[in-house]
Amino acid sequence: MKQAQRLLGMVVLGGLLQGCMTAPPAPAPDDSLTRAQPEGWQARQAELRTLNQWTLQGKVAVRHEQGNDSAFIREWVQNGDQFLIEMSSAFMGMGSVRLEGSPTFLTITDSDGQQYLSDDPDALIRETLGWSLPVEALYIWVRGLPLQDSPADVFFDQQGRISHLRQQGWEIHYSNYATLAGVEAVPHSLTATRNDLRLRLVITRWTPESP
């Protein structure tokens, strides 16, 4: 496991050294936002939940107690609640790391083919990366949706777009909206903050797949 931790640390550090980006704090909701649900929000949630098969690329940066990490997402393939995420430090030539699984099971494969498996994805990520990644929620939050069956505080901007979400101890701020598969105002970047941990995800390409 220590070998995997060292490898993952080198991968994310390599991206950081190339100035990929940093993880700023998530802006707090201000008076321009409202908790009042815009017209059609229930229908919009249903539409967003149909976007559950995709391939995307992007960048991720994390600021945590030990410092800053950054990496490229070479490919994130989502099929329902099953995911395959390949991260790498493309410019440093340090190989790739693969995360594969679901909200209830995770396999991490390093560039040597060594695998680490756990039915507690959060615990495995904490052990290998040294910080938390909410894999059970991220594929929902990335679409600008709150988790179902979990209390949430949702804020909307003046255009009726989700702008801020509080859930499971996380503060999530959305920006850079675009149209995806005919669905308007899908966020293409988010900043998630919990205690001293800040995570920023920027999507550079997002291609929905047909069911």
Protein backbone atom coordinates (compact mmCIF):
# COMPACT_ATOMS: atom_id res chain seq x y z
CA MET A 1 0.00 0.00 0.00
CA LYS A 2 2.89 2.40 0.72
CA GLN A 3 4.17 1.80 -2.83
CA ALA A 4 0.78 2.84 -4.20
CA GLN A 5 0.76 5.91 -1.97
CA ARG A 6 4.19 6.97 -3.20
CA LEU A 7 3.17 6.44 -6.83
CA LEU A 8 -0.07 8.37 -6.49
CA GLY A 9 1.76 11.14 -4.69
CA MET A 10 4.29 11.39 -7.54
CA VAL A 11 1.51 11.45 -10.13
CA VAL A 12 -0.44 14.28 -8.53
CA LEU A 13 2.73 16.16 -7.61
CA GLY A 14 3.94 16.01 -11.20
CA GLY A 15 0.78 17.74 -12.35
CA LEU A 16 1.22 20.34 -9.63
CA LEU A 17 4.80 21.11 -10.68
CA GLN A 18 3.56 21.79 -14.20
CA GLY A 19 1.22 24.45 -12.83
CA CYS A 20 -1.96 22.59 -13.68
CA MET A 21 -4.02 24.68 -11.24
CA THR A 22 -4.63 25.23 -7.56
CA ALA A 23 -7.65 24.54 -5.40
CA PRO A 24 -9.16 27.81 -4.12
CA PRO A 25 -11.80 27.75 -1.38
CA ALA A 26 -15.40 27.33 -2.46
CA PRO A 27 -17.08 30.75 -2.40
CA ALA A 28 -19.76 31.05 0.24
CA PRO A 29 -23.35 31.68 -0.86
CA ASP A 30 -24.16 35.39 -1.01
CA ASP A 31 -27.31 37.49 -1.21
CA SER A 32 -27.50 37.05 -4.98
CA LEU A 33 -28.43 33.38 -4.49
CA THR A 34 -31.74 31.94 -3.37
CA ARG A 35 -32.99 28.70 -1.87
CA ALA A 36 -36.26 29.09 -3.76
CA GLN A 37 -36.49 26.33 -6.36
CA PRO A 38 -36.80 27.70 -9.91
CA GLU A 39 -39.73 26.70 -12.02
CA GLY A 40 -39.20 23.23 -13.49
CA TRP A 41 -36.47 22.19 -11.02
CA GLN A 42 -38.04 18.78 -10.39
CA ALA A 43 -38.23 18.08 -14.12
CA ARG A 44 -34.67 19.35 -14.54
CA GLN A 45 -33.39 16.98 -11.86
CA ALA A 46 -35.04 14.07 -13.64
CA GLU A 47 -33.40 15.17 -16.91
CA LEU A 48 -29.96 15.46 -15.31
CA ARG A 49 -30.26 12.01 -13.76
CA THR A 50 -30.67 10.52 -17.23
CA LEU A 51 -27.10 11.75 -17.98
CA ASN A 52 -25.48 8.75 -16.31
CA GLN A 53 -23.28 7.44 -19.12
CA TRP A 54 -20.36 9.53 -20.30
CA THR A 55 -16.66 9.92 -21.02
CA LEU A 56 -14.92 13.07 -19.82
CA GLN A 57 -11.45 14.55 -19.45
CA GLY A 58 -10.34 17.26 -17.09
CA LYS A 59 -8.08 18.44 -14.29
CA VAL A 60 -8.32 18.01 -10.54
CA ALA A 61 -6.49 19.92 -7.82
CA VAL A 62 -6.59 19.25 -4.09
CA ARG A 63 -5.43 21.37 -1.18
CA HIS A 64 -5.14 19.46 2.10
CA GLU A 65 -3.33 19.50 5.42
CA GLN A 66 -0.09 18.16 3.91
CA GLY A 67 -0.01 20.55 0.97
CA ASN A 68 -1.29 20.67 -2.63
CA ASP A 69 -1.75 17.96 -5.23
CA SER A 70 -2.85 18.15 -8.85
CA ALA A 71 -3.44 15.70 -11.70
CA PHE A 72 -4.96 15.25 -15.12
CA ILE A 73 -8.02 13.08 -15.62
CA ARG A 74 -7.12 11.31 -18.83
CA GLU A 75 -10.45 9.53 -18.95
CA TRP A 76 -13.48 9.20 -16.70
CA VAL A 77 -15.92 6.66 -18.07
CA GLN A 78 -19.25 6.48 -16.23
CA ASN A 79 -21.88 3.79 -16.83
CA GLY A 80 -24.70 4.15 -14.35
CA ASP A 81 -23.03 3.95 -10.94
CA GLN A 82 -20.00 2.11 -12.34
CA PHE A 83 -16.91 4.19 -13.09
CA LEU A 84 -13.43 3.95 -14.54
CA ILE A 85 -11.11 6.90 -13.87
CA GLU A 86 -7.56 7.12 -15.22
CA MET A 87 -5.39 9.89 -13.78
CA SER A 88 -1.91 10.79 -14.90
CA SER A 89 0.90 13.32 -14.86
CA ALA A 90 1.12 13.60 -18.61
CA PHE A 91 4.03 16.05 -18.84
CA MET A 92 6.23 14.31 -16.24
CA GLY A 93 5.93 10.86 -17.81
CA MET A 94 5.16 9.14 -14.53
CA GLY A 95 2.53 6.76 -15.86
CA SER A 96 -1.08 6.46 -14.79
CA VAL A 97 -3.28 5.35 -11.94
CA ARG A 98 -6.65 3.70 -12.50
CA LEU A 99 -9.64 3.85 -10.14
CA GLU A 100 -12.39 1.43 -11.05
CA GLY A 101 -15.55 0.45 -9.23
CA SER A 102 -18.79 1.77 -7.79
CA PRO A 103 -19.91 3.69 -4.69
CA THR A 104 -19.55 0.46 -2.68
CA PHE A 105 -16.35 -1.07 -4.11
CA LEU A 106 -13.09 0.32 -5.45
CA THR A 107 -10.03 -1.10 -7.20
CA ILE A 108 -6.89 1.03 -7.56
CA THR A 109 -4.33 -0.13 -10.12
CA ASP A 110 -0.89 1.46 -10.27
CA SER A 111 1.35 1.76 -13.34
CA ASP A 112 3.06 -1.55 -12.48
CA GLY A 113 -0.26 -3.39 -12.53
CA GLN A 114 -0.41 -3.80 -8.75
CA GLN A 115 -4.01 -3.71 -7.53
CA TYR A 116 -5.52 -2.60 -4.22
CA LEU A 117 -9.15 -3.48 -3.51
CA SER A 118 -11.62 -2.41 -0.85
CA ASP A 119 -15.35 -2.42 -0.19
CA ASP A 120 -14.80 0.94 1.54
CA PRO A 121 -13.76 3.28 -1.29
CA ASP A 122 -13.34 6.32 0.93
CA ALA A 123 -11.03 4.46 3.33
CA LEU A 124 -8.90 3.10 0.47
CA ILE A 125 -8.50 6.56 -1.06
CA ARG A 126 -7.59 8.07 2.30
CA GLU A 127 -4.97 5.36 2.77
CA THR A 128 -3.43 5.78 -0.68
CA LEU A 129 -3.85 9.49 -1.31
CA GLY A 130 -3.85 10.82 2.22
CA TRP A 131 -7.07 12.80 1.68
CA SER A 132 -10.75 12.06 1.13
CA LEU A 133 -12.52 11.81 -2.21
CA PRO A 134 -16.30 11.36 -2.00
CA VAL A 135 -16.57 8.76 -4.77
CA GLU A 136 -20.05 7.70 -3.62
CA ALA A 137 -21.30 11.24 -4.29
CA LEU A 138 -19.00 12.80 -6.88
CA TYR A 139 -20.64 11.27 -9.94
CA ILE A 140 -23.95 12.74 -8.74
CA TRP A 141 -22.59 16.13 -7.70
CA VAL A 142 -20.63 16.58 -10.93
CA ARG A 143 -23.93 16.84 -12.80
CA GLY A 144 -25.17 19.61 -10.51
CA LEU A 145 -27.43 17.30 -8.53
CA PRO A 146 -27.83 16.64 -4.81
CA LEU A 147 -27.69 13.09 -3.54
CA GLN A 148 -31.12 11.59 -3.10
CA ASP A 149 -32.23 10.45 0.37
CA SER A 150 -29.66 12.76 2.00
CA PRO A 151 -30.43 16.22 3.46
CA ALA A 152 -29.21 19.01 1.21
CA ASP A 153 -29.20 22.80 1.16
CA VAL A 154 -29.37 23.98 -2.46
CA PHE A 155 -28.80 27.55 -3.68
CA PHE A 156 -29.72 28.88 -7.14
CA ASP A 157 -28.47 31.90 -9.06
CA GLN A 158 -30.61 34.52 -10.79
CA GLN A 159 -30.69 32.40 -13.96
CA GLY A 160 -32.21 29.47 -12.05
CA ARG A 161 -28.98 27.43 -12.20
CA ILE A 162 -27.64 25.50 -9.23
CA SER A 163 -24.78 27.54 -7.82
CA HIS A 164 -24.04 26.12 -4.38
CA LEU A 165 -24.80 22.88 -2.57
CA ARG A 166 -24.32 21.87 1.05
CA GLN A 167 -24.48 18.14 1.69
CA GLN A 168 -22.77 15.53 3.86
CA GLY A 169 -20.49 18.15 5.37
CA TRP A 170 -19.31 19.42 1.97
CA GLU A 171 -19.67 22.92 0.49
CA ILE A 172 -19.85 22.62 -3.31
CA HIS A 173 -19.71 25.64 -5.61
CA TYR A 174 -20.54 25.36 -9.33
CA SER A 175 -19.49 27.51 -12.30
CA ASN A 176 -18.69 27.48 -16.05
CA TYR A 177 -21.98 26.14 -17.33
CA ALA A 178 -22.45 24.55 -20.74
CA THR A 179 -25.01 22.55 -22.70
CA LEU A 180 -24.57 18.77 -22.60
CA ALA A 181 -26.64 16.38 -24.72
CA GLY A 182 -29.27 19.07 -25.15
CA VAL A 183 -29.45 19.78 -21.40
CA GLU A 184 -28.67 23.43 -20.72
CA ALA A 185 -26.62 24.89 -17.87
CA VAL A 186 -24.72 21.75 -16.88
CA PRO A 187 -21.78 22.84 -14.68
CA HIS A 188 -18.30 22.17 -16.06
CA SER A 189 -16.35 23.04 -12.92
CA LEU A 190 -16.89 22.66 -9.21
CA THR A 191 -15.05 23.43 -6.01
CA ALA A 192 -15.79 21.23 -3.01
CA THR A 193 -14.66 22.15 0.50
CA ARG A 194 -14.85 20.23 3.76
CA ASN A 195 -12.86 21.42 6.78
CA ASP A 196 -9.25 21.88 5.57
CA LEU A 197 -9.78 19.90 2.36
CA ARG A 198 -10.47 21.70 -0.92
CA LEU A 199 -11.03 19.91 -4.21
CA ARG A 200 -11.40 21.61 -7.58
CA LEU A 201 -12.52 19.79 -10.71
CA VAL A 202 -12.47 21.39 -14.16
CA ILE A 203 -13.95 19.45 -17.07
CA THR A 204 -12.25 20.12 -20.40
CA ARG A 205 -14.27 17.66 -22.48
CA TRP A 206 -17.47 15.83 -21.62
CA THR A 207 -19.06 13.41 -24.09
CA PRO A 208 -22.35 11.71 -23.16
CA GLU A 209 -22.89 8.16 -24.34
CA SER A 210 -26.10 6.55 -25.55
CA PRO A 211 -27.71 4.10 -23.09
